[in-house]
Amino acid sequence: MENNIKNDIQKQNIHKILAHSHATQLVLFLFAVFLDFVFDINLFTDSAPVGVGVVILVLGSVLIFWAQHTSRHFNKENINKESFSKGPYHFVRNPTNLGIFSMIVGFGIIANSFFVIFFALLSSLIVKFVFLEKEEKILILKYGEPYLEYIKSVKL
């Protein structure tokens, strides 16, 4: 039974899991924008937080680019805990998802949209507990002890 579970996990493609994760975030974002047009529930009474939203959106974009640049240069030889701790991965295990979340929240603040921010939180929870857990199981099977050490050192 345990071998069947391992085989099922190994057959799954990390990129396919991430694509489903990002698609979920996109669909929930679009649904939130639709609800915002229909119900127009504002969070703020003035435009003061717009600057904060812009900063959050830009920081999220920078984080995504940094994570993608770092992952492109991942060295698969001589794997150890430090192999996984480069760039933003030193601080957070899933910087691309944090960046997407930040961009959506930043947009929600700029647009003064309750639904965008609410669905950003909802999609973040779905991604964490559905998709990222599958991804981590695959990475643990693929890289073993070095990845487990990395998980212990980077909690987020």
N, C-alpha and C. Protein backbone atom coordinates (compact mmCIF):
# COMPACT_ATOMS: atom_id res chain seq x y z
N MET A 1 0.83 -1.20 0.00
CA MET A 1 0.00 0.00 0.00
C MET A 1 0.87 1.26 0.00
N GLU A 2 1.92 1.26 0.86
CA GLU A 2 2.79 2.43 0.94
C GLU A 2 3.54 2.64 -0.37
N ASN A 3 3.94 1.57 -1.05
CA ASN A 3 4.60 1.70 -2.35
C ASN A 3 3.66 2.30 -3.38
N ASN A 4 2.37 1.95 -3.34
CA ASN A 4 1.40 2.54 -4.26
C ASN A 4 1.28 4.03 -4.06
N ILE A 5 1.28 4.46 -2.80
CA ILE A 5 1.21 5.90 -2.49
C ILE A 5 2.45 6.60 -3.03
N LYS A 6 3.63 6.01 -2.80
CA LYS A 6 4.87 6.60 -3.30
C LYS A 6 4.87 6.68 -4.82
N ASN A 7 4.41 5.64 -5.48
CA ASN A 7 4.36 5.65 -6.94
C ASN A 7 3.41 6.71 -7.45
N ASP A 8 2.25 6.86 -6.82
CA ASP A 8 1.29 7.88 -7.22
C ASP A 8 1.88 9.28 -7.06
N ILE A 9 2.57 9.49 -5.95
CA ILE A 9 3.17 10.80 -5.70
C ILE A 9 4.28 11.07 -6.71
N GLN A 10 5.11 10.09 -7.00
CA GLN A 10 6.21 10.29 -7.94
C GLN A 10 5.70 10.53 -9.36
N LYS A 11 4.56 9.97 -9.72
CA LYS A 11 4.02 10.15 -11.06
C LYS A 11 3.51 11.57 -11.27
N GLN A 12 3.13 12.24 -10.20
CA GLN A 12 2.61 13.59 -10.32
C GLN A 12 3.74 14.55 -10.69
N ASN A 13 3.42 15.50 -11.49
CA ASN A 13 4.38 16.48 -11.93
C ASN A 13 4.22 17.75 -11.10
N ILE A 14 5.33 18.22 -10.54
CA ILE A 14 5.28 19.43 -9.72
C ILE A 14 4.75 20.61 -10.52
N HIS A 15 5.17 20.71 -11.78
CA HIS A 15 4.72 21.84 -12.60
C HIS A 15 3.22 21.80 -12.86
N LYS A 16 2.67 20.59 -12.97
CA LYS A 16 1.23 20.45 -13.15
C LYS A 16 0.49 20.89 -11.87
N ILE A 17 1.03 20.51 -10.72
CA ILE A 17 0.44 20.93 -9.45
C ILE A 17 0.48 22.45 -9.32
N LEU A 18 1.63 23.04 -9.64
CA LEU A 18 1.75 24.49 -9.55
C LEU A 18 0.82 25.20 -10.55
N ALA A 19 0.67 24.63 -11.74
CA ALA A 19 -0.24 25.22 -12.73
C ALA A 19 -1.67 25.21 -12.20
N HIS A 20 -2.09 24.10 -11.56
CA HIS A 20 -3.43 24.04 -10.98
C HIS A 20 -3.55 25.04 -9.83
N SER A 21 -2.50 25.18 -9.07
CA SER A 21 -2.48 26.13 -7.96
C SER A 21 -2.69 27.56 -8.47
N HIS A 22 -1.91 27.94 -9.48
CA HIS A 22 -2.01 29.30 -10.02
C HIS A 22 -3.35 29.51 -10.73
N ALA A 23 -3.85 28.48 -11.39
CA ALA A 23 -5.16 28.59 -12.04
C ALA A 23 -6.26 28.80 -11.01
N THR A 24 -6.16 28.12 -9.88
CA THR A 24 -7.13 28.32 -8.80
C THR A 24 -7.10 29.76 -8.31
N GLN A 25 -5.90 30.29 -8.13
CA GLN A 25 -5.78 31.68 -7.68
C GLN A 25 -6.38 32.63 -8.72
N LEU A 26 -6.12 32.38 -9.99
CA LEU A 26 -6.66 33.23 -11.05
C LEU A 26 -8.18 33.18 -11.10
N VAL A 27 -8.74 32.00 -11.04
CA VAL A 27 -10.20 31.85 -11.11
C VAL A 27 -10.86 32.56 -9.92
N LEU A 28 -10.31 32.36 -8.73
CA LEU A 28 -10.89 33.03 -7.56
C LEU A 28 -10.72 34.54 -7.63
N PHE A 29 -9.60 35.00 -8.18
CA PHE A 29 -9.40 36.44 -8.36
C PHE A 29 -10.44 37.01 -9.32
N LEU A 30 -10.65 36.34 -10.45
CA LEU A 30 -11.64 36.81 -11.43
C LEU A 30 -13.04 36.78 -10.85
N PHE A 31 -13.35 35.76 -10.07
CA PHE A 31 -14.65 35.69 -9.41
C PHE A 31 -14.82 36.85 -8.43
N ALA A 32 -13.76 37.18 -7.71
CA ALA A 32 -13.79 38.29 -6.76
C ALA A 32 -14.02 39.62 -7.48
N VAL A 33 -13.36 39.80 -8.61
CA VAL A 33 -13.55 41.03 -9.39
C VAL A 33 -14.99 41.12 -9.87
N PHE A 34 -15.54 40.01 -10.32
CA PHE A 34 -16.94 39.97 -10.74
C PHE A 34 -17.85 40.37 -9.57
N LEU A 35 -17.63 39.77 -8.40
CA LEU A 35 -18.45 40.11 -7.23
C LEU A 35 -18.30 41.57 -6.84
N ASP A 36 -17.11 42.10 -7.03
CA ASP A 36 -16.88 43.51 -6.72
C ASP A 36 -17.71 44.42 -7.64
N PHE A 37 -17.81 44.05 -8.91
CA PHE A 37 -18.64 44.84 -9.83
C PHE A 37 -20.12 44.73 -9.46
N VAL A 38 -20.55 43.56 -9.01
CA VAL A 38 -21.95 43.34 -8.70
C VAL A 38 -22.34 44.02 -7.38
N PHE A 39 -21.52 43.86 -6.34
CA PHE A 39 -21.90 44.33 -5.01
C PHE A 39 -21.19 45.59 -4.53
N ASP A 40 -20.02 45.90 -5.04
CA ASP A 40 -19.28 47.12 -4.73
C ASP A 40 -19.20 47.42 -3.23
N ILE A 41 -18.62 46.51 -2.48
CA ILE A 41 -18.39 46.72 -1.05
C ILE A 41 -16.98 47.25 -0.86
N ASN A 42 -16.87 48.48 -0.37
CA ASN A 42 -15.57 49.11 -0.18
C ASN A 42 -15.04 48.87 1.22
N LEU A 43 -13.72 48.82 1.34
CA LEU A 43 -13.07 48.67 2.63
C LEU A 43 -12.69 50.02 3.24
N PHE A 44 -12.34 50.97 2.39
CA PHE A 44 -11.83 52.26 2.86
C PHE A 44 -12.75 53.38 2.40
N THR A 45 -12.79 54.45 3.19
CA THR A 45 -13.63 55.59 2.83
C THR A 45 -12.86 56.64 2.02
N ASP A 46 -11.53 56.55 2.04
CA ASP A 46 -10.74 57.49 1.24
C ASP A 46 -9.68 56.72 0.46
N SER A 47 -8.87 57.43 -0.30
CA SER A 47 -7.89 56.78 -1.16
C SER A 47 -6.50 56.70 -0.53
N ALA A 48 -6.39 56.96 0.75
CA ALA A 48 -5.09 56.96 1.43
C ALA A 48 -4.33 55.64 1.30
N PRO A 49 -4.99 54.48 1.42
CA PRO A 49 -4.26 53.21 1.36
C PRO A 49 -3.75 52.82 -0.04
N VAL A 50 -4.08 53.59 -1.07
CA VAL A 50 -3.68 53.22 -2.43
C VAL A 50 -2.16 53.08 -2.54
N GLY A 51 -1.42 53.99 -1.92
CA GLY A 51 0.05 53.91 -1.95
C GLY A 51 0.56 52.63 -1.33
N VAL A 52 -0.07 52.20 -0.24
CA VAL A 52 0.31 50.94 0.40
C VAL A 52 0.04 49.78 -0.55
N GLY A 53 -1.10 49.82 -1.22
CA GLY A 53 -1.44 48.77 -2.18
C GLY A 53 -0.44 48.70 -3.33
N VAL A 54 0.00 49.85 -3.81
CA VAL A 54 0.98 49.88 -4.90
C VAL A 54 2.30 49.25 -4.43
N VAL A 55 2.73 49.61 -3.23
CA VAL A 55 3.98 49.05 -2.69
C VAL A 55 3.86 47.53 -2.55
N ILE A 56 2.76 47.05 -2.00
CA ILE A 56 2.56 45.60 -1.83
C ILE A 56 2.55 44.90 -3.18
N LEU A 57 1.87 45.48 -4.15
CA LEU A 57 1.80 44.89 -5.49
C LEU A 57 3.18 44.83 -6.13
N VAL A 58 3.95 45.91 -6.03
CA VAL A 58 5.30 45.93 -6.62
C VAL A 58 6.22 44.94 -5.90
N LEU A 59 6.16 44.89 -4.57
CA LEU A 59 6.99 43.94 -3.82
C LEU A 59 6.65 42.50 -4.18
N GLY A 60 5.37 42.21 -4.38
CA GLY A 60 4.96 40.88 -4.80
C GLY A 60 5.53 40.53 -6.17
N SER A 61 5.52 41.49 -7.08
CA SER A 61 6.09 41.27 -8.42
C SER A 61 7.58 41.00 -8.35
N VAL A 62 8.28 41.81 -7.55
CA VAL A 62 9.73 41.63 -7.40
C VAL A 62 10.03 40.25 -6.79
N LEU A 63 9.25 39.85 -5.81
CA LEU A 63 9.44 38.55 -5.17
C LEU A 63 9.27 37.41 -6.17
N ILE A 64 8.28 37.50 -7.03
CA ILE A 64 8.05 36.47 -8.05
C ILE A 64 9.24 36.40 -9.02
N PHE A 65 9.69 37.55 -9.51
CA PHE A 65 10.83 37.55 -10.44
C PHE A 65 12.09 37.00 -9.77
N TRP A 66 12.32 37.37 -8.52
CA TRP A 66 13.48 36.90 -7.78
C TRP A 66 13.41 35.38 -7.60
N ALA A 67 12.23 34.87 -7.23
CA ALA A 67 12.05 33.43 -7.04
C ALA A 67 12.26 32.67 -8.35
N GLN A 68 11.71 33.17 -9.43
CA GLN A 68 11.85 32.49 -10.72
C GLN A 68 13.31 32.50 -11.19
N HIS A 69 13.98 33.62 -11.00
CA HIS A 69 15.40 33.71 -11.36
C HIS A 69 16.22 32.71 -10.54
N THR A 70 15.95 32.64 -9.25
CA THR A 70 16.68 31.73 -8.37
C THR A 70 16.42 30.28 -8.74
N SER A 71 15.17 29.93 -9.00
CA SER A 71 14.85 28.52 -9.29
C SER A 71 15.42 28.08 -10.64
N ARG A 72 15.61 29.01 -11.57
CA ARG A 72 16.21 28.65 -12.86
C ARG A 72 17.67 28.24 -12.70
N HIS A 73 18.31 28.72 -11.65
CA HIS A 73 19.72 28.43 -11.43
C HIS A 73 19.94 27.38 -10.33
N PHE A 74 18.93 26.54 -10.10
CA PHE A 74 19.02 25.49 -9.09
C PHE A 74 19.99 24.41 -9.56
N ASN A 75 20.98 24.12 -8.75
CA ASN A 75 21.99 23.11 -9.08
C ASN A 75 21.55 21.77 -8.48
N LYS A 76 21.25 20.80 -9.33
CA LYS A 76 20.73 19.51 -8.87
C LYS A 76 21.83 18.52 -8.48
N GLU A 77 23.07 18.95 -8.56
CA GLU A 77 24.18 18.08 -8.18
C GLU A 77 24.63 18.45 -6.77
N ASN A 78 25.07 17.44 -6.03
CA ASN A 78 25.53 17.64 -4.65
C ASN A 78 24.48 18.36 -3.80
N ILE A 79 23.27 17.83 -3.80
CA ILE A 79 22.15 18.44 -3.09
C ILE A 79 22.40 18.38 -1.58
N ASN A 80 22.19 19.52 -0.93
CA ASN A 80 22.19 19.61 0.53
C ASN A 80 21.16 20.65 0.93
N LYS A 81 21.01 20.87 2.23
CA LYS A 81 20.00 21.82 2.71
C LYS A 81 20.20 23.20 2.10
N GLU A 82 21.45 23.62 1.96
CA GLU A 82 21.75 24.95 1.43
C GLU A 82 21.37 25.08 -0.05
N SER A 83 21.26 23.97 -0.75
CA SER A 83 20.85 24.00 -2.16
C SER A 83 19.47 24.61 -2.31
N PHE A 84 18.63 24.42 -1.31
CA PHE A 84 17.25 24.92 -1.36
C PHE A 84 17.12 26.31 -0.76
N SER A 85 18.16 26.81 -0.11
CA SER A 85 18.09 28.06 0.66
C SER A 85 18.66 29.25 -0.07
N LYS A 86 18.58 29.28 -1.36
CA LYS A 86 19.11 30.39 -2.15
C LYS A 86 18.01 31.43 -2.39
N GLY A 87 18.42 32.67 -2.54
CA GLY A 87 17.50 33.75 -2.87
C GLY A 87 16.36 33.85 -1.87
N PRO A 88 15.14 34.06 -2.35
CA PRO A 88 14.01 34.20 -1.44
C PRO A 88 13.64 32.91 -0.73
N TYR A 89 14.13 31.78 -1.24
CA TYR A 89 13.85 30.48 -0.63
C TYR A 89 14.56 30.35 0.72
N HIS A 90 15.47 31.26 1.00
CA HIS A 90 16.12 31.29 2.32
C HIS A 90 15.13 31.74 3.39
N PHE A 91 14.12 32.52 2.99
CA PHE A 91 13.17 33.09 3.93
C PHE A 91 11.81 32.41 3.92
N VAL A 92 11.39 31.92 2.76
CA VAL A 92 10.07 31.33 2.61
C VAL A 92 10.14 30.19 1.58
N ARG A 93 9.44 29.09 1.84
CA ARG A 93 9.53 27.92 0.97
C ARG A 93 8.79 28.10 -0.35
N ASN A 94 7.82 28.97 -0.39
CA ASN A 94 7.02 29.16 -1.61
C ASN A 94 6.91 30.65 -1.95
N PRO A 95 8.02 31.27 -2.35
CA PRO A 95 7.98 32.71 -2.60
C PRO A 95 7.10 33.12 -3.77
N THR A 96 6.95 32.27 -4.77
CA THR A 96 6.08 32.64 -5.89
C THR A 96 4.64 32.77 -5.43
N ASN A 97 4.19 31.84 -4.60
CA ASN A 97 2.81 31.93 -4.09
C ASN A 97 2.64 33.14 -3.18
N LEU A 98 3.65 33.44 -2.37
CA LEU A 98 3.58 34.65 -1.53
C LEU A 98 3.53 35.89 -2.41
N GLY A 99 4.29 35.88 -3.50
CA GLY A 99 4.28 37.01 -4.42
C GLY A 99 2.93 37.19 -5.09
N ILE A 100 2.32 36.09 -5.53
CA ILE A 100 0.99 36.17 -6.15
C ILE A 100 -0.02 36.68 -5.14
N PHE A 101 0.03 36.15 -3.93
CA PHE A 101 -0.86 36.61 -2.88
C PHE A 101 -0.68 38.11 -2.65
N SER A 102 0.56 38.57 -2.57
CA SER A 102 0.85 39.99 -2.34
C SER A 102 0.32 40.85 -3.49
N MET A 103 0.49 40.38 -4.71
CA MET A 103 -0.01 41.14 -5.85
C MET A 103 -1.53 41.27 -5.81
N ILE A 104 -2.20 40.17 -5.48
CA ILE A 104 -3.67 40.21 -5.44
C ILE A 104 -4.14 41.13 -4.31
N VAL A 105 -3.53 41.02 -3.14
CA VAL A 105 -3.90 41.88 -2.02
C VAL A 105 -3.61 43.34 -2.36
N GLY A 106 -2.44 43.60 -2.96
CA GLY A 106 -2.11 44.96 -3.36
C GLY A 106 -3.14 45.52 -4.33
N PHE A 107 -3.53 44.70 -5.31
CA PHE A 107 -4.58 45.13 -6.24
C PHE A 107 -5.89 45.38 -5.50
N GLY A 108 -6.22 44.50 -4.56
CA GLY A 108 -7.46 44.66 -3.79
C GLY A 108 -7.47 45.96 -3.00
N ILE A 109 -6.32 46.33 -2.44
CA ILE A 109 -6.23 47.60 -1.71
C ILE A 109 -6.37 48.77 -2.68
N ILE A 110 -5.69 48.70 -3.80
CA ILE A 110 -5.77 49.78 -4.80
C ILE A 110 -7.21 49.93 -5.30
N ALA A 111 -7.87 48.80 -5.56
CA ALA A 111 -9.25 48.83 -6.08
C ALA A 111 -10.28 49.02 -4.97
N ASN A 112 -9.82 49.02 -3.72
CA ASN A 112 -10.71 49.16 -2.57
C ASN A 112 -11.80 48.08 -2.61
N SER A 113 -11.34 46.83 -2.80
CA SER A 113 -12.26 45.72 -3.01
C SER A 113 -12.21 44.71 -1.87
N PHE A 114 -13.30 44.61 -1.15
CA PHE A 114 -13.42 43.61 -0.09
C PHE A 114 -13.28 42.21 -0.66
N PHE A 115 -13.97 41.95 -1.77
CA PHE A 115 -14.00 40.60 -2.32
C PHE A 115 -12.63 40.13 -2.81
N VAL A 116 -11.85 41.02 -3.42
CA VAL A 116 -10.53 40.64 -3.90
C VAL A 116 -9.63 40.25 -2.73
N ILE A 117 -9.66 41.02 -1.67
CA ILE A 117 -8.84 40.69 -0.51
C ILE A 117 -9.34 39.41 0.17
N PHE A 118 -10.63 39.27 0.33
CA PHE A 118 -11.19 38.07 0.94
C PHE A 118 -10.82 36.82 0.14
N PHE A 119 -11.00 36.88 -1.19
CA PHE A 119 -10.70 35.72 -2.01
C PHE A 119 -9.20 35.47 -2.14
N ALA A 120 -8.39 36.50 -1.96
CA ALA A 120 -6.93 36.30 -1.91
C ALA A 120 -6.59 35.43 -0.69
N LEU A 121 -7.20 35.74 0.43
CA LEU A 121 -6.97 34.93 1.65
C LEU A 121 -7.49 33.51 1.45
N LEU A 122 -8.68 33.38 0.89
CA LEU A 122 -9.27 32.06 0.64
C LEU A 122 -8.40 31.24 -0.31
N SER A 123 -7.99 31.84 -1.41
CA SER A 123 -7.17 31.09 -2.38
C SER A 123 -5.82 30.73 -1.78
N SER A 124 -5.28 31.57 -0.93
CA SER A 124 -4.01 31.27 -0.26
C SER A 124 -4.14 30.03 0.62
N LEU A 125 -5.24 29.93 1.34
CA LEU A 125 -5.46 28.76 2.19
C LEU A 125 -5.66 27.50 1.35
N ILE A 126 -6.41 27.61 0.27
CA ILE A 126 -6.63 26.46 -0.61
C ILE A 126 -5.30 25.99 -1.20
N VAL A 127 -4.52 26.94 -1.68
CA VAL A 127 -3.22 26.60 -2.28
C VAL A 127 -2.33 25.92 -1.25
N LYS A 128 -2.27 26.47 -0.05
CA LYS A 128 -1.39 25.92 0.98
C LYS A 128 -1.79 24.50 1.35
N PHE A 129 -3.06 24.28 1.60
CA PHE A 129 -3.48 23.00 2.14
C PHE A 129 -3.83 21.95 1.08
N VAL A 130 -3.97 22.33 -0.16
CA VAL A 130 -4.27 21.36 -1.21
C VAL A 130 -3.04 21.13 -2.09
N PHE A 131 -2.54 22.21 -2.69
CA PHE A 131 -1.51 22.05 -3.71
C PHE A 131 -0.09 22.00 -3.14
N LEU A 132 0.22 22.87 -2.21
CA LEU A 132 1.60 22.92 -1.71
C LEU A 132 1.96 21.70 -0.88
N GLU A 133 0.99 21.11 -0.22
CA GLU A 133 1.28 19.87 0.51
C GLU A 133 1.64 18.74 -0.46
N LYS A 134 0.95 18.66 -1.60
CA LYS A 134 1.28 17.67 -2.62
C LYS A 134 2.68 17.92 -3.17
N GLU A 135 2.97 19.19 -3.45
CA GLU A 135 4.29 19.55 -3.97
C GLU A 135 5.39 19.14 -3.00
N GLU A 136 5.19 19.42 -1.73
CA GLU A 136 6.23 19.10 -0.74
C GLU A 136 6.42 17.59 -0.60
N LYS A 137 5.36 16.82 -0.70
CA LYS A 137 5.50 15.36 -0.64
C LYS A 137 6.38 14.86 -1.79
N ILE A 138 6.16 15.41 -2.96
CA ILE A 138 6.97 15.03 -4.12
C ILE A 138 8.42 15.43 -3.91
N LEU A 139 8.65 16.63 -3.41
CA LEU A 139 10.02 17.09 -3.20
C LEU A 139 10.73 16.28 -2.12
N ILE A 140 10.00 15.87 -1.10
CA ILE A 140 10.59 15.02 -0.06
C ILE A 140 11.00 13.68 -0.65
N LEU A 141 10.13 13.09 -1.48
CA LEU A 141 10.48 11.81 -2.11
C LEU A 141 11.66 11.98 -3.08
N LYS A 142 11.69 13.10 -3.76
CA LYS A 142 12.71 13.32 -4.77
C LYS A 142 14.08 13.64 -4.15
N TYR A 143 14.10 14.49 -3.11
CA TYR A 143 15.37 14.97 -2.57
C TYR A 143 15.70 14.43 -1.18
N GLY A 144 14.73 13.83 -0.50
CA GLY A 144 14.98 13.16 0.77
C GLY A 144 15.40 14.06 1.91
N GLU A 145 16.40 13.61 2.63
CA GLU A 145 16.85 14.26 3.87
C GLU A 145 17.25 15.74 3.68
N PRO A 146 17.97 16.11 2.62
CA PRO A 146 18.30 17.54 2.48
C PRO A 146 17.06 18.43 2.43
N TYR A 147 16.01 17.95 1.75
CA TYR A 147 14.79 18.77 1.68
C TYR A 147 14.07 18.78 3.03
N LEU A 148 14.09 17.68 3.76
CA LEU A 148 13.49 17.65 5.10
C LEU A 148 14.21 18.62 6.03
N GLU A 149 15.54 18.69 5.94
CA GLU A 149 16.30 19.65 6.74
C GLU A 149 15.94 21.08 6.36
N TYR A 150 15.76 21.31 5.07
CA TYR A 150 15.35 22.63 4.60
C TYR A 150 13.99 23.02 5.18
N ILE A 151 13.03 22.09 5.17
CA ILE A 151 11.70 22.35 5.72
C ILE A 151 11.80 22.74 7.21
N LYS A 152 12.67 22.04 7.92
CA LYS A 152 12.84 22.35 9.35
C LYS A 152 13.43 23.73 9.58
N SER A 153 14.30 24.17 8.66
CA SER A 153 14.97 25.46 8.85
C SER A 153 14.14 26.64 8.32
N VAL A 154 13.28 26.42 7.34
CA VAL A 154 12.45 27.49 6.79
C VAL A 154 11.00 27.12 7.05
N LYS A 155 10.41 27.74 8.05
CA LYS A 155 9.07 27.36 8.52
C LYS A 155 7.94 27.85 7.62
N LEU A 156 8.09 29.01 7.01
CA LEU A 156 6.99 29.57 6.20
C LEU A 156 6.89 28.89 4.85
